[in-house]
Amino acid sequence: MGADTAKSQMALPRIGVHLLGELGGEADTCLQGLLSQGFTADRAALPAEEAATAEKQDILAVTGRYRPELHTPTHLSRLVGAQRDRTILFLSHMDPESFALFEQAGFSFINVTTDQTVKSLVGLIAQVDPNAVYQASKTAAMRASMSTEIANTVVDLFSRLRADPVAPKLAESHQQRRAMSALIGQSPMSVWIELIQNYHDGTAQHCSLVSGYTLAFARVLGAGNQQTGRLFDAAFFHDVGKAMIPLEILDKPGRLDPAEWEIMQRHVLHSHDILIRDEHTCGEIARVARDHHEYLDGSGYPNGITAPQIDDITRIITICDIFAALTEKRAYKPAKPFDEAYSILKSMAGTKLDPDLVRLFEKVAAECDGRLGRAATAA
């Protein structure tokens, strides 16, 4: 490929896919599937007056079950306007007569099978504009590569700690924060979480989830760059003491017995001991690592301290840590749905967790669940 051709392809505007359908229906399933495959996509409810968010290069897809009173050639022609030649009718249960009417009205891309899978939709998108699929594949590959790099960094950290438990350098956190911020910046939260859930190493999965949830929470809290950095550092190093816990306990496929649980609880003290050895991690970061399992009512561990002794940064990391533990997928347990995990947080608010912070964390939970940030622009 010549330099001029490469430059012209790089200059191509990003092609978005706008799904028009009933809320909670096939449009939601299609949206998540497209986002996972690297497409820039969003969803709007029908009936609608116009596809106002679409740029001229974008693709429209009308999804769901065919409804004669809603999906008329006249209404959809008015809705999509000049973008009729970039519109897909991805409707199920359309009768042959209606199909013919849409063809007569100038719609060229109509799903003719009963297959309502994302794969079929992508096939139609490729017919409308192959560049949309090409762009999505590049984005998906880039996300996967970035996610693998993040996972490998965490796995390497814990491998080194197991071999020689010296305090890790703060620069490792800074590098990881840049990588995590970049991945989150080009991925909807739901897709970002899906990538992390594919990590084979459970400790890497948990560390990355807590760090990412903390970044998202910092944004909700309106934290500045310096405060966000403090939060991320505390999150990234909060569990380094797990390097001292036997793998047969960390990865046990079931409930720990009392003796194993006692060993597991020691990870917070191991974390503190490791982090306290370095002047850059010996203060706040080491304290958060020790105290992130403490609760406001004194029922936590290792010291059973109460609300007056638990600072805000520890309260924030505790919420992110619990939410990550609930929503992460492991070989021995499925991930809890985000709404269920947040309900558990709410049940702990006031007694164990800071109620104001739990209330604000709902925005993070909603974004993870796809209820916020429906439109995703990928670089």
Protein backbone atom coordinates (compact mmCIF):
# COMPACT_ATOMS: atom_id res chain seq x y z
CA MET A 1 0.00 0.00 0.00
CA GLY A 2 1.43 3.41 -1.00
CA ALA A 3 1.84 6.27 1.45
CA ASP A 4 -0.88 8.34 -0.23
CA THR A 5 -3.35 5.45 -0.06
CA ALA A 6 -2.56 4.84 3.59
CA LYS A 7 -3.03 8.52 4.42
CA SER A 8 -6.35 8.63 2.57
CA GLN A 9 -7.62 5.60 4.49
CA MET A 10 -6.50 7.12 7.79
CA ALA A 11 -8.40 10.28 6.90
CA LEU A 12 -11.68 8.44 6.38
CA PRO A 13 -14.30 9.64 8.86
CA ARG A 14 -15.44 7.17 11.48
CA ILE A 15 -18.60 5.36 10.35
CA GLY A 16 -21.23 5.06 13.06
CA VAL A 17 -24.10 2.58 13.22
CA HIS A 18 -27.38 3.91 14.63
CA LEU A 19 -29.87 1.27 15.73
CA LEU A 20 -33.52 2.28 15.69
CA GLY A 21 -35.83 -0.03 17.59
CA GLU A 22 -37.94 -0.64 20.65
CA LEU A 23 -36.20 -0.21 23.99
CA GLY A 24 -35.18 -3.44 25.64
CA GLY A 25 -35.60 -5.44 22.45
CA GLU A 26 -33.32 -6.74 19.77
CA ALA A 27 -31.74 -3.30 19.46
CA ASP A 28 -30.07 -3.70 22.86
CA THR A 29 -28.65 -7.11 21.95
CA CYS A 30 -27.43 -5.85 18.60
CA LEU A 31 -25.89 -2.77 20.21
CA GLN A 32 -23.81 -4.73 22.68
CA GLY A 33 -22.71 -7.13 19.96
CA LEU A 34 -21.63 -4.31 17.64
CA LEU A 35 -19.78 -2.48 20.42
CA SER A 36 -17.96 -5.69 21.34
CA GLN A 37 -16.82 -6.07 17.73
CA GLY A 38 -15.39 -2.55 17.60
CA PHE A 39 -18.19 -0.64 15.89
CA THR A 40 -19.12 2.87 16.87
CA ALA A 41 -22.80 2.41 17.67
CA ASP A 42 -25.75 3.80 19.57
CA ARG A 43 -29.43 3.10 19.91
CA ALA A 44 -32.56 5.24 19.67
CA ALA A 45 -36.16 4.28 20.33
CA LEU A 46 -38.88 4.11 17.71
CA PRO A 47 -41.13 5.84 16.94
CA ALA A 48 -38.87 8.78 16.21
CA GLU A 49 -39.27 11.87 14.10
CA GLU A 50 -35.79 11.88 12.60
CA ALA A 51 -32.43 10.18 12.83
CA ALA A 52 -30.92 13.45 14.00
CA THR A 53 -27.60 12.11 15.30
CA ALA A 54 -26.55 10.47 12.05
CA GLU A 55 -23.76 11.90 9.93
CA LYS A 56 -23.89 11.41 6.17
CA GLN A 57 -21.39 8.53 6.28
CA ASP A 58 -23.26 6.70 9.05
CA ILE A 59 -25.38 3.59 8.70
CA LEU A 60 -28.92 3.26 10.06
CA ALA A 61 -30.42 -0.07 11.08
CA VAL A 62 -34.10 -0.47 11.96
CA THR A 63 -34.29 -3.45 14.30
CA GLY A 64 -36.88 -5.58 16.04
CA ARG A 65 -40.04 -7.39 15.00
CA TYR A 66 -41.83 -6.02 11.97
CA ARG A 67 -44.90 -4.03 12.97
CA PRO A 68 -47.09 -2.87 10.05
CA GLU A 69 -48.43 0.13 11.97
CA LEU A 70 -44.92 1.36 12.83
CA HIS A 71 -42.65 0.17 10.05
CA THR A 72 -44.32 1.69 7.01
CA PRO A 73 -42.34 2.70 3.92
CA THR A 74 -43.70 6.24 4.24
CA HIS A 75 -42.69 6.68 7.88
CA LEU A 76 -39.27 5.08 7.53
CA SER A 77 -38.55 7.00 4.33
CA ARG A 78 -39.30 10.24 6.17
CA LEU A 79 -37.21 9.09 9.14
CA VAL A 80 -34.04 8.20 7.25
CA GLY A 81 -34.34 10.84 4.54
CA ALA A 82 -31.38 11.00 2.19
CA GLN A 83 -29.70 8.10 4.00
CA ARG A 84 -32.08 5.54 2.56
CA ASP A 85 -29.22 3.98 0.62
CA ARG A 86 -27.33 3.51 3.91
CA THR A 87 -30.30 2.07 5.81
CA ILE A 88 -30.73 -1.57 6.83
CA LEU A 89 -34.14 -3.02 7.64
CA PHE A 90 -33.18 -5.68 10.16
CA LEU A 91 -36.72 -6.74 10.98
CA SER A 92 -38.08 -10.18 11.71
CA HIS A 93 -41.44 -11.61 10.60
CA MET A 94 -41.82 -9.35 7.58
CA ASP A 95 -44.27 -10.76 5.04
CA PRO A 96 -43.37 -10.93 1.31
CA GLU A 97 -45.88 -8.23 0.36
CA SER A 98 -44.36 -5.72 2.80
CA PHE A 99 -40.88 -6.68 1.66
CA ALA A 100 -41.86 -5.81 -1.92
CA LEU A 101 -43.29 -2.45 -0.83
CA PHE A 102 -40.02 -1.50 0.87
CA GLU A 103 -38.06 -2.49 -2.22
CA GLN A 104 -40.35 -0.31 -4.33
CA ALA A 105 -39.73 2.55 -1.88
CA GLY A 106 -35.99 2.31 -2.56
CA PHE A 107 -34.74 0.31 0.42
CA SER A 108 -31.93 -1.96 -0.79
CA PHE A 109 -30.67 -3.66 2.36
CA ILE A 110 -33.39 -5.78 3.93
CA ASN A 111 -32.88 -8.82 6.13
CA VAL A 112 -34.44 -11.72 4.24
CA THR A 113 -33.79 -14.47 6.79
CA THR A 114 -35.08 -15.33 10.25
CA ASP A 115 -31.50 -15.03 11.56
CA GLN A 116 -31.47 -11.98 13.84
CA THR A 117 -27.92 -12.49 15.07
CA VAL A 118 -25.28 -9.79 15.18
CA LYS A 119 -23.34 -11.79 12.61
CA SER A 120 -26.17 -11.35 10.11
CA LEU A 121 -26.36 -7.63 10.87
CA VAL A 122 -22.62 -7.25 10.34
CA GLY A 123 -23.01 -9.03 7.01
CA LEU A 124 -25.55 -6.42 5.92
CA ILE A 125 -23.35 -3.60 7.20
CA ALA A 126 -20.54 -4.98 5.03
CA GLN A 127 -22.84 -4.74 2.02
CA VAL A 128 -23.67 -1.12 2.78
CA ASP A 129 -20.06 -0.07 3.43
CA PRO A 130 -17.12 -2.50 3.83
CA ASN A 131 -15.09 0.30 5.42
CA ALA A 132 -17.35 0.21 8.48
CA VAL A 133 -16.42 -3.43 9.11
CA TYR A 134 -12.76 -2.72 8.40
CA GLN A 135 -12.71 0.15 10.90
CA ALA A 136 -14.46 -1.99 13.53
CA SER A 137 -12.01 -4.88 13.10
CA LYS A 138 -9.06 -2.53 13.57
CA THR A 139 -10.62 -1.08 16.71
CA ALA A 140 -11.41 -4.52 18.16
CA ALA A 141 -7.86 -5.71 17.47
CA MET A 142 -6.39 -2.60 19.07
CA ARG A 143 -8.55 -2.99 22.17
CA ALA A 144 -7.62 -6.65 22.51
CA SER A 145 -3.92 -5.84 22.20
CA MET A 146 -4.14 -3.07 24.79
CA SER A 147 -6.12 -5.29 27.15
CA THR A 148 -3.58 -8.11 26.82
CA GLU A 149 -0.74 -5.71 27.59
CA ILE A 150 -2.53 -4.53 30.74
CA ALA A 151 -3.15 -8.11 31.88
CA ASN A 152 0.44 -9.13 31.24
CA THR A 153 1.71 -6.17 33.25
CA VAL A 154 -0.36 -7.17 36.28
CA VAL A 155 0.57 -10.85 35.98
CA ASP A 156 4.24 -9.86 35.76
CA LEU A 157 3.91 -7.68 38.88
CA PHE A 158 2.50 -10.49 40.98
CA SER A 159 5.00 -13.00 39.58
CA ARG A 160 7.87 -10.76 40.64
CA LEU A 161 6.32 -10.23 44.06
CA ARG A 162 6.01 -13.97 44.60
CA ALA A 163 9.68 -14.40 43.77
CA ASP A 164 10.90 -11.38 45.74
CA PRO A 165 8.34 -9.37 47.77
CA VAL A 166 10.04 -5.99 47.51
CA ALA A 167 7.94 -2.85 47.22
CA PRO A 168 6.89 -2.20 43.60
CA LYS A 169 7.76 1.14 42.04
CA LEU A 170 5.15 3.86 41.75
CA ALA A 171 6.12 4.27 38.10
CA GLU A 172 4.40 0.94 37.42
CA SER A 173 1.10 2.42 38.55
CA HIS A 174 1.58 5.51 36.41
CA GLN A 175 2.26 3.40 33.33
CA GLN A 176 -0.74 1.22 34.04
CA ARG A 177 -2.98 4.23 34.58
CA ARG A 178 -2.06 5.58 31.14
CA ALA A 179 -2.80 2.22 29.55
CA MET A 180 -6.07 1.76 31.44
CA SER A 181 -7.22 5.30 30.69
CA ALA A 182 -6.49 4.80 27.00
CA LEU A 183 -8.44 1.54 26.90
CA ILE A 184 -11.41 2.96 28.78
CA GLY A 185 -11.28 6.08 26.63
CA GLN A 186 -11.88 4.12 23.45
CA SER A 187 -14.22 1.47 24.85
CA PRO A 188 -17.70 1.64 26.37
CA MET A 189 -17.57 0.42 29.97
CA SER A 190 -19.52 -2.72 29.11
CA VAL A 191 -17.00 -3.65 26.41
CA TRP A 192 -14.02 -2.73 28.59
CA ILE A 193 -15.35 -5.04 31.31
CA GLU A 194 -15.91 -7.83 28.79
CA LEU A 195 -12.25 -7.60 27.76
CA ILE A 196 -11.06 -7.82 31.37
CA GLN A 197 -13.43 -10.70 32.11
CA ASN A 198 -11.48 -12.68 29.52
CA TYR A 199 -8.29 -12.50 31.57
CA HIS A 200 -7.23 -16.01 32.56
CA ASP A 201 -5.47 -14.88 35.72
CA GLY A 202 -7.98 -14.08 38.47
CA THR A 203 -5.68 -11.68 40.31
CA ALA A 204 -5.00 -9.73 37.12
CA GLN A 205 -8.73 -9.61 36.45
CA HIS A 206 -9.55 -8.31 39.91
CA CYS A 207 -6.73 -5.77 40.03
CA SER A 208 -7.69 -4.39 36.61
CA LEU A 209 -11.39 -4.22 37.44
CA VAL A 210 -10.81 -2.37 40.71
CA SER A 211 -8.41 0.04 38.98
CA GLY A 212 -10.85 0.68 36.13
CA TYR A 213 -13.87 1.12 38.39
CA THR A 214 -11.80 3.57 40.42
CA LEU A 215 -10.98 5.61 37.32
CA ALA A 216 -14.66 5.67 36.36
CA PHE A 217 -15.66 6.64 39.91
CA ALA A 218 -13.05 9.41 39.99
CA ARG A 219 -14.66 10.86 36.87
CA VAL A 220 -18.11 10.74 38.50
CA LEU A 221 -16.72 12.42 41.62
CA GLY A 222 -15.19 15.20 39.53
CA ALA A 223 -11.68 14.42 40.80
CA GLY A 224 -8.83 16.39 39.29
CA ASN A 225 -5.79 14.79 37.74
CA GLN A 226 -3.78 14.71 40.97
CA GLN A 227 -6.62 13.23 43.01
CA THR A 228 -7.38 10.71 40.27
CA GLY A 229 -3.74 9.66 40.35
CA ARG A 230 -3.87 9.13 44.12
CA LEU A 231 -7.00 7.02 43.78
CA PHE A 232 -5.56 4.93 40.97
CA ASP A 233 -2.28 4.32 42.80
CA ALA A 234 -4.20 3.08 45.84
CA ALA A 235 -6.43 0.87 43.69
CA PHE A 236 -3.63 -0.61 41.61
CA PHE A 237 -1.54 -1.64 44.63
CA HIS A 238 -4.38 -2.46 47.03
CA ASP A 239 -3.99 -6.26 46.74
CA VAL A 240 -0.24 -6.76 46.25
CA GLY A 241 -0.24 -8.85 49.42
CA LYS A 242 -2.14 -11.58 47.60
CA ALA A 243 1.23 -12.52 46.14
CA MET A 244 1.92 -14.00 49.58
CA ILE A 245 -1.27 -16.11 49.63
CA PRO A 246 -1.02 -19.69 48.30
CA LEU A 247 -2.58 -20.11 44.87
CA GLU A 248 -4.63 -23.07 46.06
CA ILE A 249 -6.45 -20.65 48.39
CA LEU A 250 -6.70 -17.78 45.90
CA ASP A 251 -8.10 -20.03 43.17
CA LYS A 252 -10.09 -22.46 45.32
CA PRO A 253 -13.33 -23.36 43.47
CA GLY A 254 -15.64 -22.88 46.42
CA ARG A 255 -16.05 -21.36 49.87
CA LEU A 256 -12.93 -21.12 52.03
CA ASP A 257 -12.91 -22.99 55.30
CA PRO A 258 -12.18 -21.00 58.51
CA ALA A 259 -8.44 -21.73 58.45
CA GLU A 260 -8.15 -20.75 54.77
CA TRP A 261 -10.19 -17.60 55.37
CA GLU A 262 -7.82 -16.59 58.17
CA ILE A 263 -4.89 -16.96 55.78
CA MET A 264 -6.72 -14.99 53.09
CA GLN A 265 -7.41 -12.12 55.48
CA ARG A 266 -3.71 -11.72 56.04
CA HIS A 267 -3.26 -10.39 52.52
CA VAL A 268 -4.02 -6.87 53.71
CA LEU A 269 -1.19 -7.04 56.24
CA HIS A 270 1.13 -8.51 53.63
CA SER A 271 0.18 -5.62 51.32
CA HIS A 272 0.99 -3.08 53.99
CA ASP A 273 4.31 -4.77 54.80
CA ILE A 274 5.34 -4.78 51.13
CA LEU A 275 4.29 -1.20 50.39
CA ILE A 276 5.67 0.33 53.57
CA ARG A 277 9.21 -0.50 52.42
CA ASP A 278 9.28 2.18 49.73
CA GLU A 279 9.14 5.91 50.48
CA HIS A 280 6.72 6.53 47.61
CA THR A 281 4.16 3.92 48.69
CA CYS A 282 4.69 3.91 52.44
CA GLY A 283 2.02 6.43 53.36
CA GLU A 284 -1.50 6.63 51.97
CA ILE A 285 -1.12 3.76 49.51
CA ALA A 286 0.07 1.34 52.19
CA ARG A 287 -2.68 2.46 54.57
CA VAL A 288 -5.44 1.96 51.98
CA ALA A 289 -4.06 -1.48 51.15
CA ARG A 290 -4.26 -2.40 54.83
CA ASP A 291 -7.69 -0.87 55.51
CA HIS A 292 -9.76 -1.48 52.37
CA HIS A 293 -11.65 -4.35 54.08
CA GLU A 294 -12.58 -2.24 57.11
CA TYR A 295 -16.23 -1.18 57.52
CA LEU A 296 -17.81 1.89 59.09
CA ASP A 297 -19.46 -0.19 61.83
CA GLY A 298 -16.22 -1.86 62.89
CA SER A 299 -17.10 -5.29 61.48
CA GLY A 300 -14.25 -5.40 58.96
CA TYR A 301 -10.66 -6.56 59.20
CA PRO A 302 -7.77 -6.56 60.09
CA ASN A 303 -8.25 -4.15 63.02
CA GLY A 304 -12.00 -3.57 63.24
CA ILE A 305 -11.63 0.21 63.01
CA THR A 306 -14.77 2.37 62.66
CA ALA A 307 -15.96 5.30 60.57
CA PRO A 308 -13.87 8.08 62.21
CA GLN A 309 -10.67 6.17 61.38
CA ILE A 310 -11.54 5.41 57.73
CA ASP A 311 -10.61 8.19 55.31
CA ASP A 312 -12.42 9.02 52.07
CA ILE A 313 -9.92 7.43 49.72
CA THR A 314 -10.19 4.12 51.58
CA ARG A 315 -13.99 4.33 51.49
CA ILE A 316 -13.85 4.84 47.72
CA ILE A 317 -11.47 1.92 47.10
CA THR A 318 -13.58 -0.34 49.35
CA ILE A 319 -16.68 0.30 47.24
CA CYS A 320 -14.80 -0.35 43.99
CA ASP A 321 -13.22 -3.49 45.45
CA ILE A 322 -16.57 -4.96 46.54
CA PHE A 323 -18.23 -4.13 43.23
CA ALA A 324 -15.35 -5.76 41.34
CA ALA A 325 -15.50 -8.89 43.50
CA LEU A 326 -19.23 -9.19 42.83
CA THR A 327 -19.10 -8.56 39.08
CA GLU A 328 -15.97 -10.47 38.12
CA LYS A 329 -16.26 -13.79 36.37
CA ARG A 330 -14.12 -16.63 37.63
CA ALA A 331 -13.87 -20.32 36.78
CA TYR A 332 -15.67 -21.14 40.03
CA LYS A 333 -18.37 -18.45 39.95
CA PRO A 334 -20.37 -16.44 37.43
CA ALA A 335 -20.38 -12.66 37.47
CA LYS A 336 -23.32 -11.04 39.19
CA PRO A 337 -25.38 -8.67 37.03
CA PHE A 338 -24.43 -5.05 37.60
CA ASP A 339 -27.82 -4.05 38.96
CA GLU A 340 -27.74 -6.91 41.46
CA ALA A 341 -24.19 -6.02 42.52
CA TYR A 342 -25.21 -2.41 43.05
CA SER A 343 -28.21 -3.53 45.11
CA ILE A 344 -25.81 -5.37 47.39
CA LEU A 345 -23.75 -2.19 47.77
CA LYS A 346 -26.92 -0.27 48.67
CA SER A 347 -27.79 -2.86 51.31
CA MET A 348 -24.39 -2.16 52.93
CA ALA A 349 -24.72 1.63 52.78
CA GLY A 350 -24.92 3.42 56.09
CA THR A 351 -23.70 0.53 58.20
CA LYS A 352 -20.63 -0.74 56.37
CA LEU A 353 -20.18 1.65 53.44
CA ASP A 354 -20.40 5.42 53.04
CA PRO A 355 -24.00 6.09 51.91
CA ASP A 356 -23.17 9.25 49.94
CA LEU A 357 -20.41 7.51 48.00
CA VAL A 358 -22.62 4.48 47.33
CA ARG A 359 -25.31 6.79 45.96
CA LEU A 360 -22.81 8.44 43.60
CA PHE A 361 -21.42 5.07 42.54
CA GLU A 362 -24.78 4.25 40.95
CA LYS A 363 -23.64 6.25 37.91
CA VAL A 364 -20.68 3.91 37.48
CA ALA A 365 -22.88 0.83 37.87
CA ALA A 366 -25.34 2.23 35.32
CA GLU A 367 -22.57 2.92 32.83
CA CYS A 368 -21.23 -0.61 33.26
CA ASP A 369 -24.72 -1.94 32.63
CA GLY A 370 -24.98 0.09 29.43
CA ARG A 371 -27.70 2.40 30.80
CA LEU A 372 -25.37 5.37 30.38
CA GLY A 373 -22.98 6.17 27.60
CA ARG A 374 -24.92 4.32 24.91
CA ALA A 375 -23.05 6.12 22.16
CA ALA A 376 -19.45 4.96 21.90
CA THR A 377 -16.90 6.69 19.74
CA ALA A 378 -13.83 4.58 19.11
CA ALA A 379 -10.55 5.92 17.85
